[in-house]
Structures are given as C-alpha cells and as structure tokens.
Amino acid sequence: MTTLHKPQGILAAILLLAAGCQNQGAIDEPFPAETEGSLRQTMQLQASAGAREDAMLYDAHFDANQLNSLGASKLALMLGDSERAFPVSVWICCPGDAKDRRHAVETYLQDVGLKAAQYRVEIGPNPKAVSPSAKALTAIPKTDTGASGAAQSTSGAPAPEVQTKLVN
C-alpha cells in the first residue's frame, strides 16, 4: 500500500487547481473576438435597414415639437443604411404641430449633412409600411374549427375531442 505524504498531496492539489484555472476567455463573450466586428456590423446594417423601411416617427420621438434623443437615434439608424438610394423618406405619424415637427426633422437632417434633395419629410403614416389584409383573411377558414366546434384532421375525419378539466 502506497501512502501519499501530506505535503506532496497538497502540492499536487495546488498544481491541479492552478492548471485548471487558466483564463481561456471570458464566459460572457458570445462570439470569438475575430468575428465580433463582422457580427456587430451585420446587426447595425439590419437595424438601419429596418428603421429605414419603417421610416415613421411617432409622438415618443419628440419632446413637445423638438426631436428628442430617441428620434435622433432613429434618424441616425435610417441614415446608417448606406446601401439604399436617396432620397430618405421620413414620415411623421403623430399628433402635434406637424409644421414644427417637420422643421425639427429637417433641421436634424441638414445638420448631419444632407441636402434638401436627399430627404423627404411627409406627414401621416408611411403607406409602404402597411399591407392589405386580404391575404391574411383568406387563411381564416384554415384556422376555423368548423360549425360543430370539432377540429378537423388533415385526412378530413374529425379529430378526437380534447377535453380539459378545471382543477379547483
């Protein structure tokens, strides 16, 4: 029977702990550093494309009739999508003094270097940000359970009833 002396056992434990505790990267980092830049760039481009597609400023984007930091952030995102052609369209879709709010948006766009031909500010909702409901309405019969309330299976036969019991 071999016995390990106490000092040798302690030394072995310290060596094992030291070897296992080497910093191999922070656990908080979701992606390797070499791909982080391209991922951030992709996320920024997606956010910019979404902001430009929506193109609407709401009441929350203004403090009274002045553009607030949220509104400025949205406009900055819209301008970050450099792949899209000009003019940039901005729709002011909220109550309030439309004239003053339009002026605040135009002032911001001019301050960041855009010329009047590079932007268009409109009042009202963006007509390109809505879609007709006809396509969605055609799907309603597919989600309906039928006149008897029993769901139909894909074979056309009634599906078994599902009964639920409330537990008090």
Protein backbone atom coordinates (compact mmCIF):
# COMPACT_ATOMS: atom_id res chain seq x y z
CA MET A 1 0.00 0.00 0.00
CA THR A 2 1.39 3.37 -1.07
CA THR A 3 0.69 6.35 1.09
CA LEU A 4 0.95 9.88 -0.11
CA HIS A 5 2.66 12.22 2.25
CA LYS A 6 0.65 15.24 3.27
CA PRO A 7 2.96 17.91 1.72
CA GLN A 8 3.07 16.02 -1.62
CA GLY A 9 -0.74 15.72 -1.66
CA ILE A 10 -1.18 19.43 -1.01
CA LEU A 11 1.37 20.28 -3.72
CA ALA A 12 -0.41 18.01 -6.22
CA ALA A 13 -3.78 19.62 -5.42
CA ILE A 14 -2.34 23.12 -5.87
CA LEU A 15 -0.81 22.17 -9.23
CA LEU A 16 -4.09 20.67 -10.45
CA LEU A 17 -6.05 23.75 -9.39
CA ALA A 18 -3.53 26.11 -10.98
CA ALA A 19 -3.58 24.22 -14.26
CA GLY A 20 -7.39 24.14 -14.36
CA CYS A 21 -7.88 27.81 -13.58
CA GLN A 22 -6.14 29.32 -16.55
CA ASN A 23 -8.09 32.09 -18.21
CA GLN A 24 -9.34 30.68 -21.50
CA GLY A 25 -11.53 33.65 -22.43
CA ALA A 26 -14.40 35.27 -20.68
CA ILE A 27 -17.56 33.22 -20.50
CA ASP A 28 -19.59 36.39 -21.13
CA GLU A 29 -18.29 36.68 -24.69
CA PRO A 30 -20.86 35.05 -27.01
CA PHE A 31 -18.62 35.15 -30.10
CA PRO A 32 -14.90 34.93 -30.72
CA ALA A 33 -13.19 38.30 -30.99
CA GLU A 34 -12.33 37.82 -34.66
CA THR A 35 -16.00 37.54 -35.67
CA GLU A 36 -17.36 40.17 -33.28
CA GLY A 37 -16.70 43.09 -35.64
CA SER A 38 -18.49 41.50 -38.58
CA LEU A 39 -21.42 40.46 -36.38
CA ARG A 40 -21.79 43.95 -34.96
CA GLN A 41 -21.62 45.38 -38.48
CA THR A 42 -24.31 42.96 -39.67
CA MET A 43 -26.56 43.81 -36.72
CA GLN A 44 -26.06 47.53 -37.36
CA LEU A 45 -26.95 47.14 -41.04
CA GLN A 46 -30.08 45.15 -40.16
CA ALA A 47 -31.19 47.78 -37.63
CA SER A 48 -30.57 50.53 -40.18
CA ALA A 49 -32.49 48.72 -42.91
CA GLY A 50 -35.42 48.15 -40.53
CA ALA A 51 -35.50 51.77 -39.39
CA ARG A 52 -35.42 52.99 -42.97
CA GLU A 53 -38.12 50.55 -44.06
CA ASP A 54 -40.42 51.67 -41.24
CA ALA A 55 -39.43 55.34 -41.68
CA MET A 56 -42.04 56.62 -39.20
CA LEU A 57 -41.53 58.93 -36.26
CA TYR A 58 -44.14 58.81 -33.52
CA ASP A 59 -45.01 61.02 -30.58
CA ALA A 60 -42.37 59.24 -28.47
CA HIS A 61 -39.67 60.57 -30.82
CA PHE A 62 -40.47 64.17 -29.87
CA ASP A 63 -40.41 66.29 -26.73
CA ALA A 64 -43.20 68.75 -27.49
CA ASN A 65 -42.24 69.66 -31.05
CA GLN A 66 -38.50 69.10 -30.77
CA LEU A 67 -36.80 65.89 -31.82
CA ASN A 68 -35.60 64.01 -28.72
CA SER A 69 -32.71 61.55 -28.40
CA LEU A 70 -34.91 58.61 -29.43
CA GLY A 71 -35.95 60.44 -32.59
CA ALA A 72 -32.36 61.43 -33.35
CA SER A 73 -31.29 57.82 -32.82
CA LYS A 74 -33.96 56.56 -35.23
CA LEU A 75 -32.92 59.08 -37.88
CA ALA A 76 -29.26 58.16 -37.39
CA LEU A 77 -30.17 54.49 -37.89
CA MET A 78 -32.06 55.36 -41.05
CA LEU A 79 -29.03 57.16 -42.42
CA GLY A 80 -26.74 54.27 -41.48
CA ASP A 81 -28.16 52.11 -44.27
CA SER A 82 -25.83 53.42 -46.96
CA GLU A 83 -26.83 50.73 -49.47
CA ARG A 84 -30.19 52.37 -50.05
CA ALA A 85 -30.69 55.17 -52.53
CA PHE A 86 -31.63 58.69 -51.66
CA PRO A 87 -33.93 60.44 -51.00
CA VAL A 88 -34.55 59.22 -47.48
CA SER A 89 -38.26 59.35 -46.67
CA VAL A 90 -39.33 60.21 -43.12
CA TRP A 91 -42.97 60.04 -42.09
CA ILE A 92 -44.19 61.99 -39.06
CA CYS A 93 -47.09 59.92 -37.81
CA CYS A 94 -48.30 61.56 -34.63
CA PRO A 95 -50.47 64.32 -33.27
CA GLY A 96 -48.96 67.66 -32.52
CA ASP A 97 -47.87 70.63 -34.53
CA ALA A 98 -46.83 68.91 -37.75
CA LYS A 99 -45.17 72.04 -39.10
CA ASP A 100 -42.82 72.41 -36.11
CA ARG A 101 -42.05 68.68 -36.01
CA ARG A 102 -41.30 68.65 -39.73
CA HIS A 103 -38.97 71.60 -39.19
CA ALA A 104 -37.19 69.76 -36.33
CA VAL A 105 -36.63 66.68 -38.53
CA GLU A 106 -35.45 68.76 -41.48
CA THR A 107 -33.04 70.67 -39.23
CA TYR A 108 -31.57 67.41 -37.92
CA LEU A 109 -31.13 66.01 -41.45
CA GLN A 110 -29.46 69.22 -42.63
CA ASP A 111 -27.20 69.30 -39.55
CA VAL A 112 -25.86 65.83 -40.39
CA GLY A 113 -25.01 67.00 -43.90
CA LEU A 114 -27.95 66.06 -46.10
CA LYS A 115 -29.10 68.43 -48.79
CA ALA A 116 -32.81 69.08 -49.40
CA ALA A 117 -32.78 66.77 -52.45
CA GLN A 118 -31.56 63.85 -50.30
CA TYR A 119 -34.55 63.63 -47.98
CA ARG A 120 -38.32 63.88 -47.99
CA VAL A 121 -40.38 64.57 -44.86
CA GLU A 122 -44.08 63.69 -45.03
CA ILE A 123 -46.92 63.98 -42.54
CA GLY A 124 -49.00 60.89 -41.81
CA PRO A 125 -48.37 57.12 -41.79
CA ASN A 126 -45.95 55.53 -44.24
CA PRO A 127 -48.13 53.89 -46.91
CA LYS A 128 -45.35 51.39 -47.69
CA ALA A 129 -45.31 50.14 -44.09
CA VAL A 130 -48.77 48.60 -44.28
CA SER A 131 -50.08 45.62 -46.17
CA PRO A 132 -53.54 44.64 -47.31
CA SER A 133 -55.39 42.29 -45.02
CA ALA A 134 -56.90 40.22 -47.86
CA LYS A 135 -54.09 37.65 -47.83
CA ALA A 136 -54.38 37.09 -44.08
CA LEU A 137 -58.17 36.97 -44.26
CA THR A 138 -58.05 34.09 -46.76
CA ALA A 139 -56.30 31.98 -44.10
CA ILE A 140 -59.09 32.35 -41.54
CA PRO A 141 -61.09 29.33 -42.76
CA LYS A 142 -57.95 27.22 -42.34
CA THR A 143 -57.84 28.11 -38.67
CA ASP A 144 -61.55 27.73 -38.03
CA THR A 145 -62.69 24.63 -36.14
CA GLY A 146 -65.89 24.21 -38.11
CA ALA A 147 -69.58 24.53 -37.22
CA SER A 148 -69.63 21.75 -34.61
CA GLY A 149 -66.57 23.07 -32.84
CA ALA A 150 -64.64 19.86 -33.53
CA ALA A 151 -61.28 20.26 -35.16
CA GLN A 152 -60.73 18.53 -38.48
CA SER A 153 -57.69 16.33 -39.07
CA THR A 154 -55.71 16.50 -42.29
CA SER A 155 -57.49 13.38 -43.58
CA GLY A 156 -60.87 15.11 -43.36
CA ALA A 157 -62.12 12.97 -40.47
CA PRO A 158 -62.99 14.74 -37.25
CA ALA A 159 -60.11 14.91 -34.84
CA PRO A 160 -60.66 13.45 -31.38
CA GLU A 161 -62.15 15.86 -28.90
CA VAL A 162 -59.74 17.30 -26.41
CA GLN A 163 -61.34 17.70 -23.05
CA THR A 164 -59.93 19.87 -20.35
CA LYS A 165 -60.92 19.77 -16.74
CA LEU A 166 -60.52 22.75 -14.49
CA VAL A 167 -58.95 21.92 -11.17
CA ASN A 168 -60.15 23.97 -8.24
